[in-house]
């Protein structure tokens, strides 16, 4: 199985910064796109930031210019630098990994979620 480990969630004041990290591990698999989504209570899961397998990034409109995602292909990790956080950023953040286990089709994997709360 592809395992996903998230870290970095917590409580931060408005205007503050936070870094989320995610690592994918396992054996006999290859990773495609990898990024972060978030979900607030009563709302649908939405894109935060995504790194594409062959280069490029994609950001949700609400975080563009404030968040930066980076990727380390060797370590199969991503980091999300979140700056100038707003209360509206409060949500459970989920690491997303699209991966292919050798001999099988690509599928989506999700971390269990890490809470980010932006509040005074």
C-alpha atoms as a PDB file:
ATOM      1  CA  UNK A   1       0.000   0.000   0.000  1.00  0.00           C
ATOM      2  CA  UNK A   2       1.054   3.585  -0.593  1.00  0.00           C
ATOM      3  CA  UNK A   3       1.393   5.307   2.742  1.00  0.00           C
ATOM      4  CA  UNK A   4       0.996   9.025   3.240  1.00  0.00           C
ATOM      5  CA  UNK A   5       2.305  10.905   6.237  1.00  0.00           C
ATOM      6  CA  UNK A   6       1.290  14.503   6.851  1.00  0.00           C
ATOM      7  CA  UNK A   7       2.727  16.994   9.271  1.00  0.00           C
ATOM      8  CA  UNK A   8       2.684  20.672  10.073  1.00  0.00           C
ATOM      9  CA  UNK A   9      -0.912  21.411  10.924  1.00  0.00           C
ATOM     10  CA  UNK A  10      -1.852  23.487  13.903  1.00  0.00           C
ATOM     11  CA  UNK A  11      -3.122  26.784  15.189  1.00  0.00           C
ATOM     12  CA  UNK A  12      -1.811  30.021  13.770  1.00  0.00           C
ATOM     13  CA  UNK A  13      -2.782  33.659  14.071  1.00  0.00           C
ATOM     14  CA  UNK A  14      -4.136  35.606  11.113  1.00  0.00           C
ATOM     15  CA  UNK A  15      -1.272  36.853   9.019  1.00  0.00           C
ATOM     16  CA  UNK A  16       0.965  34.092  10.235  1.00  0.00           C
ATOM     17  CA  UNK A  17       2.719  31.349   8.368  1.00  0.00           C
ATOM     18  CA  UNK A  18       2.686  27.608   8.454  1.00  0.00           C
ATOM     19  CA  UNK A  19       4.351  24.817   6.528  1.00  0.00           C
ATOM     20  CA  UNK A  20       2.662  21.556   5.713  1.00  0.00           C
ATOM     21  CA  UNK A  21       4.680  18.557   4.662  1.00  0.00           C
ATOM     22  CA  UNK A  22       3.671  15.305   3.122  1.00  0.00           C
ATOM     23  CA  UNK A  23       5.641  12.188   2.357  1.00  0.00           C
ATOM     24  CA  UNK A  24       4.587   9.213   0.305  1.00  0.00           C
ATOM     25  CA  UNK A  25       6.207   5.901   0.989  1.00  0.00           C
ATOM     26  CA  UNK A  26       5.886   2.274   0.131  1.00  0.00           C
ATOM     27  CA  UNK A  27       7.269  -0.050  -2.444  1.00  0.00           C
ATOM     28  CA  UNK A  28       6.700  -0.855  -6.066  1.00  0.00           C
ATOM     29  CA  UNK A  29       4.884   2.310  -6.984  1.00  0.00           C
ATOM     30  CA  UNK A  30       5.372   5.480  -8.976  1.00  0.00           C
ATOM     31  CA  UNK A  31       3.987   8.879  -8.133  1.00  0.00           C
ATOM     32  CA  UNK A  32       2.196  11.245 -10.430  1.00  0.00           C
ATOM     33  CA  UNK A  33       0.583  14.453  -9.290  1.00  0.00           C
ATOM     34  CA  UNK A  34       0.933  15.335  -5.647  1.00  0.00           C
ATOM     35  CA  UNK A  35      -0.520  18.185  -3.672  1.00  0.00           C
ATOM     36  CA  UNK A  36      -2.870  19.487  -1.043  1.00  0.00           C
ATOM     37  CA  UNK A  37      -6.603  19.838  -0.845  1.00  0.00           C
ATOM     38  CA  UNK A  38      -8.668  21.167   2.010  1.00  0.00           C
ATOM     39  CA  UNK A  39     -12.160  20.776   3.312  1.00  0.00           C
ATOM     40  CA  UNK A  40     -14.095  22.911   5.736  1.00  0.00           C
ATOM     41  CA  UNK A  41     -17.186  21.616   7.539  1.00  0.00           C
ATOM     42  CA  UNK A  42     -20.180  21.519   5.243  1.00  0.00           C
ATOM     43  CA  UNK A  43     -18.111  22.317   2.190  1.00  0.00           C
ATOM     44  CA  UNK A  44     -16.654  20.278  -0.589  1.00  0.00           C
ATOM     45  CA  UNK A  45     -13.020  19.449  -0.768  1.00  0.00           C
ATOM     46  CA  UNK A  46     -11.176  22.036  -2.817  1.00  0.00           C
ATOM     47  CA  UNK A  47      -7.800  22.335  -4.417  1.00  0.00           C
ATOM     48  CA  UNK A  48      -5.142  24.213  -2.502  1.00  0.00           C
ATOM     49  CA  UNK A  49      -2.022  23.486  -4.499  1.00  0.00           C
ATOM     50  CA  UNK A  50      -0.870  20.773  -6.813  1.00  0.00           C
ATOM     51  CA  UNK A  51       2.436  19.714  -8.272  1.00  0.00           C
ATOM     52  CA  UNK A  52       2.262  17.890 -11.548  1.00  0.00           C
ATOM     53  CA  UNK A  53       4.236  14.791 -12.335  1.00  0.00           C
ATOM     54  CA  UNK A  54       6.078  16.289 -15.274  1.00  0.00           C
ATOM     55  CA  UNK A  55       6.418  19.797 -13.955  1.00  0.00           C
ATOM     56  CA  UNK A  56       4.179  22.706 -13.248  1.00  0.00           C
ATOM     57  CA  UNK A  57       1.957  23.721 -10.396  1.00  0.00           C
ATOM     58  CA  UNK A  58      -1.637  24.647  -9.912  1.00  0.00           C
ATOM     59  CA  UNK A  59      -3.147  26.738  -7.147  1.00  0.00           C
ATOM     60  CA  UNK A  60      -6.602  27.428  -5.932  1.00  0.00           C
ATOM     61  CA  UNK A  61      -7.691  30.976  -6.603  1.00  0.00           C
ATOM     62  CA  UNK A  62      -8.065  31.832  -2.946  1.00  0.00           C
ATOM     63  CA  UNK A  63      -4.485  30.927  -2.065  1.00  0.00           C
ATOM     64  CA  UNK A  64      -2.666  32.112  -5.145  1.00  0.00           C
ATOM     65  CA  UNK A  65       0.144  34.448  -4.230  1.00  0.00           C
ATOM     66  CA  UNK A  66       0.122  33.391  -0.597  1.00  0.00           C
ATOM     67  CA  UNK A  67       0.917  29.694  -0.767  1.00  0.00           C
ATOM     68  CA  UNK A  68       3.834  28.012  -2.448  1.00  0.00           C
ATOM     69  CA  UNK A  69       4.174  24.317  -3.073  1.00  0.00           C
ATOM     70  CA  UNK A  70       7.410  22.501  -3.727  1.00  0.00           C
ATOM     71  CA  UNK A  71       8.271  18.946  -4.542  1.00  0.00           C
ATOM     72  CA  UNK A  72      11.190  16.622  -3.977  1.00  0.00           C
ATOM     73  CA  UNK A  73      10.895  13.728  -6.377  1.00  0.00           C
ATOM     74  CA  UNK A  74      13.765  11.789  -4.851  1.00  0.00           C
ATOM     75  CA  UNK A  75      12.170  11.808  -1.421  1.00  0.00           C
ATOM     76  CA  UNK A  76       8.621  11.718  -2.756  1.00  0.00           C
ATOM     77  CA  UNK A  77       7.688  14.604  -0.558  1.00  0.00           C
ATOM     78  CA  UNK A  78       5.974  17.930  -0.951  1.00  0.00           C
ATOM     79  CA  UNK A  79       5.957  21.025   1.187  1.00  0.00           C
ATOM     80  CA  UNK A  80       3.345  23.733   1.278  1.00  0.00           C
ATOM     81  CA  UNK A  81       4.511  27.102   2.502  1.00  0.00           C
ATOM     82  CA  UNK A  82       1.470  29.035   3.653  1.00  0.00           C
ATOM     83  CA  UNK A  83       1.879  32.738   4.286  1.00  0.00           C
ATOM     84  CA  UNK A  84      -0.444  35.536   5.294  1.00  0.00           C
ATOM     85  CA  UNK A  85      -2.958  33.045   6.547  1.00  0.00           C
ATOM     86  CA  UNK A  86      -6.555  34.092   6.878  1.00  0.00           C
ATOM     87  CA  UNK A  87      -9.412  32.707   8.968  1.00  0.00           C
ATOM     88  CA  UNK A  88     -10.932  31.471   5.726  1.00  0.00           C
ATOM     89  CA  UNK A  89      -7.983  29.127   5.382  1.00  0.00           C
ATOM     90  CA  UNK A  90      -9.217  27.161   8.372  1.00  0.00           C
ATOM     91  CA  UNK A  91      -9.913  23.630   7.234  1.00  0.00           C
ATOM     92  CA  UNK A  92      -8.699  20.096   7.324  1.00  0.00           C
ATOM     93  CA  UNK A  93      -5.898  19.797   4.830  1.00  0.00           C
ATOM     94  CA  UNK A  94      -5.432  16.542   2.992  1.00  0.00           C
ATOM     95  CA  UNK A  95      -2.356  15.429   1.164  1.00  0.00           C
ATOM     96  CA  UNK A  96      -3.199  14.083  -2.251  1.00  0.00           C
ATOM     97  CA  UNK A  97      -1.080  11.603  -4.126  1.00  0.00           C
ATOM     98  CA  UNK A  98      -1.818  10.102  -7.463  1.00  0.00           C
ATOM     99  CA  UNK A  99       0.193   6.948  -7.775  1.00  0.00           C
ATOM    100  CA  UNK A 100       0.476   3.776  -9.723  1.00  0.00           C
ATOM    101  CA  UNK A 101       1.357   0.556  -8.045  1.00  0.00           C
ATOM    102  CA  UNK A 102       3.364  -1.529 -10.435  1.00  0.00           C
ATOM    103  CA  UNK A 103       1.075  -3.663 -12.499  1.00  0.00           C
ATOM    104  CA  UNK A 104      -2.015  -1.693 -11.560  1.00  0.00           C
ATOM    105  CA  UNK A 105      -3.844   1.388 -12.725  1.00  0.00           C
ATOM    106  CA  UNK A 106      -3.213   4.822 -11.328  1.00  0.00           C
ATOM    107  CA  UNK A 107      -5.383   5.753  -8.412  1.00  0.00           C
ATOM    108  CA  UNK A 108      -5.778   8.512  -5.871  1.00  0.00           C
ATOM    109  CA  UNK A 109      -4.465   8.303  -2.348  1.00  0.00           C
ATOM    110  CA  UNK A 110      -5.315  10.621   0.497  1.00  0.00           C
ATOM    111  CA  UNK A 111      -3.750  11.404   3.799  1.00  0.00           C
ATOM    112  CA  UNK A 112      -5.939  11.273   6.858  1.00  0.00           C
ATOM    113  CA  UNK A 113      -5.945  15.055   7.124  1.00  0.00           C
ATOM    114  CA  UNK A 114      -4.305  17.636   9.308  1.00  0.00           C
ATOM    115  CA  UNK A 115      -6.183  20.496  10.913  1.00  0.00           C
ATOM    116  CA  UNK A 116      -5.168  24.062  10.170  1.00  0.00           C
ATOM    117  CA  UNK A 117      -6.887  26.672  12.275  1.00  0.00           C
ATOM    118  CA  UNK A 118      -6.338  30.373  11.714  1.00  0.00           C
ATOM    119  CA  UNK A 119      -7.667  32.328  14.635  1.00  0.00           C
ATOM    120  CA  UNK A 120      -6.772  35.022  17.103  1.00  0.00           C
END
